[in-house]
């Protein structure tokens, strides 16, 4: 199950799948600028906008302690 909305905040380092990469599952790493999904969770991942402007669904969150 992908991370929940409560696991994310602006400034979080994440790996997302972009719309164009959904078939391959290629991940893009970046910093969250804005959380776009309003619900607490989503089966395909919470949709976010990265500081780079790219939009995709979160598949993994990088934690500072790990």
Protein backbone atom coordinates (compact mmCIF):
# COMPACT_ATOMS: atom_id res chain seq x y z
CA UNK A 1 0.00 0.00 0.00
CA UNK A 2 1.39 3.45 -0.91
CA UNK A 3 2.04 6.05 1.83
CA UNK A 4 -0.96 7.83 3.37
CA UNK A 5 -1.59 11.57 3.22
CA UNK A 6 -0.63 11.92 6.91
CA UNK A 7 2.86 10.60 6.03
CA UNK A 8 3.45 13.52 3.65
CA UNK A 9 4.03 17.24 4.05
CA UNK A 10 5.49 20.00 1.89
CA UNK A 11 9.25 19.55 1.96
CA UNK A 12 9.10 15.73 2.16
CA UNK A 13 11.52 13.88 -0.14
CA UNK A 14 9.51 11.33 -2.12
CA UNK A 15 9.57 9.03 -5.12
CA UNK A 16 6.60 9.35 -7.45
CA UNK A 17 5.29 7.76 -10.63
CA UNK A 18 4.51 10.34 -13.30
CA UNK A 19 1.43 9.85 -15.53
CA UNK A 20 3.69 9.14 -18.53
CA UNK A 21 5.58 6.48 -16.52
CA UNK A 22 2.57 4.56 -15.19
CA UNK A 23 3.05 1.66 -17.63
CA UNK A 24 6.75 1.20 -16.79
CA UNK A 25 6.55 2.15 -13.11
CA UNK A 26 9.65 4.37 -13.42
CA UNK A 27 10.13 6.50 -10.30
CA UNK A 28 11.02 10.19 -10.14
CA UNK A 29 12.56 11.60 -6.96
CA UNK A 30 11.84 15.09 -5.67
CA UNK A 31 10.62 17.38 -2.90
CA UNK A 32 6.89 17.86 -2.29
CA UNK A 33 5.64 21.37 -2.98
CA UNK A 34 1.91 20.68 -2.71
CA UNK A 35 -0.35 17.74 -1.82
CA UNK A 36 -3.13 17.51 -4.40
CA UNK A 37 -5.19 14.54 -3.12
CA UNK A 38 -7.73 15.57 -0.49
CA UNK A 39 -8.55 12.08 0.82
CA UNK A 40 -6.50 10.37 3.56
CA UNK A 41 -5.35 7.60 1.23
CA UNK A 42 -5.61 6.45 -2.37
CA UNK A 43 -5.01 2.95 -3.78
CA UNK A 44 -2.57 4.28 -6.42
CA UNK A 45 -0.85 6.77 -4.12
CA UNK A 46 -1.42 10.35 -2.99
CA UNK A 47 -1.05 12.82 -5.86
CA UNK A 48 1.50 15.58 -5.26
CA UNK A 49 3.25 18.38 -7.13
CA UNK A 50 7.03 18.44 -6.74
CA UNK A 51 9.10 21.63 -6.51
CA UNK A 52 10.21 20.81 -10.08
CA UNK A 53 6.56 21.20 -11.17
CA UNK A 54 6.11 17.50 -11.95
CA UNK A 55 2.87 15.86 -10.78
CA UNK A 56 2.52 12.21 -9.86
CA UNK A 57 1.49 9.66 -7.26
CA UNK A 58 3.71 8.93 -4.26
CA UNK A 59 5.13 5.42 -4.08
CA UNK A 60 7.78 5.97 -1.37
CA UNK A 61 8.78 8.57 1.23
CA UNK A 62 12.41 9.16 2.26
CA UNK A 63 12.69 9.60 6.02
CA UNK A 64 15.51 11.69 7.45
CA UNK A 65 16.38 8.95 9.94
CA UNK A 66 16.59 6.21 7.31
